[in-house]
Amino acid sequence: MAILVFVIKNMLPQIIPIGQTYTNAQIIDWEITKRYGRYQIDRYDLVIAYLDDQGNDHLVKKRVDYQIYDKYKNDYGIPIHYANNNPANVFIHFQSFKELFSILTLFESIFILFIPYSYVHLYKRFRSTS
């Protein structure tokens, strides 16, 4: 349960941006890491640069899914928001529900959602044997 609370705590600011600043960042570089094996899921990273409210430059490498990468691969700018108390914690500003839904379909998200299901299944099995 602690893992699930930690993940929800980290995903909530991305979905509900309270206490965050919106800005446009410049895309400096694109990086694709090809993976091989059974599932062959490639990793897509964007290196972005932006100025915070204080005028400080930030250079951040942000992992994105294929849909976000494909949308911005030919652009040089991307809308972002960051936490006011931690400008290096960057989130891509979603423009549509499809982009928001894409984060939930990542393999890691599906794996994390499997954790509570497995706990419930094990609990039911434990109660039925007791």
Protein backbone atom coordinates (compact mmCIF):
# COMPACT_ATOMS: atom_id res chain seq x y z
CA MET A 1 0.00 0.00 0.00
CA ALA A 2 2.92 2.34 0.66
CA ILE A 3 4.05 1.99 -2.95
CA LEU A 4 0.56 2.82 -4.19
CA VAL A 5 0.32 5.93 -1.96
CA PHE A 6 3.75 7.07 -3.16
CA VAL A 7 2.76 6.70 -6.83
CA ILE A 8 -0.55 8.53 -6.35
CA LYS A 9 1.25 11.32 -4.48
CA ASN A 10 3.64 11.73 -7.43
CA MET A 11 1.00 11.51 -10.18
CA LEU A 12 -1.54 13.84 -8.54
CA PRO A 13 0.42 17.08 -9.19
CA GLN A 14 0.59 16.18 -12.86
CA ILE A 15 -3.17 15.78 -13.15
CA ILE A 16 -4.19 18.57 -10.72
CA PRO A 17 -1.58 21.36 -11.06
CA ILE A 18 -2.09 23.34 -7.82
CA GLY A 19 0.75 25.69 -6.87
CA GLN A 20 2.45 25.35 -10.23
CA THR A 21 3.59 27.73 -12.94
CA TYR A 22 2.83 27.30 -16.64
CA THR A 23 5.44 28.18 -19.24
CA ASN A 24 6.73 27.13 -22.64
CA ALA A 25 10.00 25.25 -22.85
CA GLN A 26 12.36 24.82 -25.77
CA ILE A 27 13.08 21.31 -26.96
CA ILE A 28 16.86 21.03 -27.15
CA ASP A 29 17.26 17.35 -28.03
CA TRP A 30 15.28 14.16 -28.64
CA GLU A 31 16.51 10.77 -27.52
CA ILE A 32 15.11 7.33 -28.35
CA THR A 33 16.43 4.26 -26.56
CA LYS A 34 15.64 1.13 -28.51
CA ARG A 35 14.82 -1.87 -26.41
CA TYR A 36 15.00 -5.45 -27.49
CA GLY A 37 13.39 -8.50 -26.03
CA ARG A 38 9.94 -9.82 -25.48
CA TYR A 39 8.03 -6.53 -25.14
CA GLN A 40 10.26 -4.17 -27.18
CA ILE A 41 8.93 -0.94 -25.67
CA ASP A 42 11.16 1.96 -26.69
CA ARG A 43 11.91 4.84 -24.32
CA TYR A 44 11.46 8.42 -25.50
CA ASP A 45 13.19 11.33 -23.77
CA LEU A 46 13.03 15.04 -24.47
CA VAL A 47 15.74 17.41 -23.28
CA ILE A 48 14.04 20.73 -22.60
CA ALA A 49 15.23 24.15 -21.44
CA TYR A 50 13.15 26.87 -19.78
CA LEU A 51 13.34 29.90 -17.51
CA ASP A 52 11.60 29.88 -14.14
CA ASP A 53 9.97 32.89 -12.45
CA GLN A 54 13.27 33.92 -10.88
CA GLY A 55 14.99 34.01 -14.30
CA ASN A 56 17.07 30.87 -13.68
CA ASP A 57 17.79 28.56 -16.60
CA HIS A 58 16.84 24.91 -16.23
CA LEU A 59 17.81 22.00 -18.45
CA VAL A 60 15.72 18.87 -17.83
CA LYS A 61 15.57 15.45 -19.44
CA LYS A 62 11.92 14.35 -19.40
CA ARG A 63 10.70 10.84 -20.29
CA VAL A 64 7.52 10.89 -22.36
CA ASP A 65 5.38 8.28 -24.06
CA TYR A 66 5.22 7.76 -27.81
CA GLN A 67 2.11 9.91 -28.35
CA ILE A 68 3.65 12.97 -26.69
CA TYR A 69 6.94 12.38 -28.48
CA ASP A 70 5.22 12.01 -31.84
CA LYS A 71 3.19 15.19 -31.31
CA TYR A 72 6.22 17.36 -30.48
CA LYS A 73 9.01 15.68 -32.48
CA ASN A 74 8.90 18.36 -35.19
CA ASP A 75 8.36 21.30 -32.82
CA TYR A 76 10.90 23.32 -30.91
CA GLY A 77 8.59 24.28 -28.07
CA ILE A 78 6.42 22.39 -25.61
CA PRO A 79 3.99 23.61 -22.90
CA ILE A 80 5.04 22.59 -19.40
CA HIS A 81 4.23 23.33 -15.78
CA TYR A 82 6.47 23.01 -12.77
CA ALA A 83 6.04 23.15 -9.01
CA ASN A 84 6.71 26.60 -7.59
CA ASN A 85 8.75 25.15 -4.73
CA ASN A 86 10.79 22.88 -7.06
CA PRO A 87 11.26 24.30 -10.59
CA ALA A 88 13.24 21.24 -11.68
CA ASN A 89 10.14 19.03 -11.23
CA VAL A 90 8.63 19.43 -14.71
CA PHE A 91 5.37 18.07 -16.11
CA ILE A 92 4.23 18.17 -19.72
CA HIS A 93 1.01 20.18 -19.92
CA PHE A 94 -1.63 17.93 -21.46
CA GLN A 95 -3.64 19.49 -24.27
CA SER A 96 -6.27 16.76 -24.59
CA PHE A 97 -7.84 13.85 -22.74
CA LYS A 98 -6.04 11.48 -25.13
CA GLU A 99 -2.68 12.71 -23.83
CA LEU A 100 -3.80 12.30 -20.24
CA PHE A 101 -5.10 8.81 -20.98
CA SER A 102 -1.79 7.87 -22.61
CA ILE A 103 0.04 8.17 -19.28
CA LEU A 104 -2.35 5.63 -17.75
CA THR A 105 -1.66 3.10 -20.50
CA LEU A 106 2.08 3.00 -19.92
CA PHE A 107 3.44 -0.37 -18.84
CA GLU A 108 4.57 1.05 -15.49
CA SER A 109 1.09 2.40 -14.74
CA ILE A 110 -0.55 -0.90 -15.57
CA PHE A 111 1.96 -2.69 -13.34
CA ILE A 112 1.26 -0.28 -10.48
CA LEU A 113 -2.50 -0.75 -10.86
CA PHE A 114 -1.89 -4.50 -10.66
CA ILE A 115 -0.48 -4.15 -7.13
CA PRO A 116 -3.80 -3.43 -5.35
CA TYR A 117 -5.49 -6.15 -7.40
CA SER A 118 -2.91 -8.70 -6.27
CA TYR A 119 -3.28 -7.61 -2.62
CA VAL A 120 -7.05 -8.10 -2.76
CA HIS A 121 -6.65 -11.47 -4.48
CA LEU A 122 -4.12 -12.67 -1.88
CA TYR A 123 -6.29 -11.39 0.97
CA LYS A 124 -9.35 -13.25 -0.33
CA ARG A 125 -7.32 -16.42 -0.76
CA PHE A 126 -5.88 -16.09 2.75
CA ARG A 127 -9.36 -15.59 4.26
CA SER A 128 -10.82 -18.55 2.41
CA THR A 129 -8.07 -20.88 3.74
CA SER A 130 -8.40 -19.62 7.34
